[in-house]
Amino acid sequence: MFFLVLIFFTQLTSSISS
C-alpha cells in the first residue's frame, strides 16, 4: 500500500511539474 501511494504521489508531482 505504501509503495502504491508513493508511486501515485510521484506521478502526481511529475504531472504538475510538466
N, C-alpha and C. Protein backbone atom coordinates (compact mmCIF):
# COMPACT_ATOMS: atom_id res chain seq x y z
N MET A 1 0.84 -1.20 0.00
CA MET A 1 0.00 0.00 0.00
C MET A 1 0.88 1.25 0.00
N PHE A 2 1.94 1.21 0.80
CA PHE A 2 2.82 2.37 0.88
C PHE A 2 3.44 2.70 -0.48
N PHE A 3 3.90 1.65 -1.15
CA PHE A 3 4.51 1.85 -2.47
C PHE A 3 3.49 2.39 -3.47
N LEU A 4 2.26 1.94 -3.33
CA LEU A 4 1.19 2.39 -4.23
C LEU A 4 1.00 3.89 -4.09
N VAL A 5 0.96 4.37 -2.85
CA VAL A 5 0.79 5.80 -2.58
C VAL A 5 2.03 6.55 -3.06
N LEU A 6 3.19 5.96 -2.85
CA LEU A 6 4.44 6.59 -3.25
C LEU A 6 4.47 6.78 -4.77
N ILE A 7 4.12 5.76 -5.50
CA ILE A 7 4.09 5.84 -6.96
C ILE A 7 3.06 6.85 -7.42
N PHE A 8 1.89 6.84 -6.76
CA PHE A 8 0.84 7.77 -7.12
C PHE A 8 1.29 9.21 -6.91
N PHE A 9 1.94 9.45 -5.77
CA PHE A 9 2.42 10.79 -5.45
C PHE A 9 3.50 11.22 -6.43
N THR A 10 4.35 10.29 -6.81
CA THR A 10 5.41 10.60 -7.76
C THR A 10 4.82 10.98 -9.11
N GLN A 11 3.81 10.24 -9.54
CA GLN A 11 3.15 10.54 -10.81
C GLN A 11 2.44 11.88 -10.74
N LEU A 12 1.85 12.17 -9.60
CA LEU A 12 1.13 13.42 -9.41
C LEU A 12 2.09 14.61 -9.52
N THR A 13 3.18 14.55 -8.78
CA THR A 13 4.17 15.63 -8.80
C THR A 13 4.79 15.76 -10.20
N SER A 14 4.99 14.63 -10.85
CA SER A 14 5.56 14.64 -12.20
C SER A 14 4.60 15.33 -13.16
N SER A 15 3.33 15.07 -12.98
CA SER A 15 2.31 15.67 -13.84
C SER A 15 2.24 17.18 -13.62
N ILE A 16 2.38 17.59 -12.37
CA ILE A 16 2.33 19.02 -12.04
C ILE A 16 3.60 19.71 -12.57
N SER A 17 4.70 19.01 -12.46
CA SER A 17 5.98 19.57 -12.91
C SER A 17 5.97 19.80 -14.42
N SER A 18 5.31 18.91 -15.13
CA SER A 18 5.25 19.01 -16.59
C SER A 18 4.54 20.29 -17.02
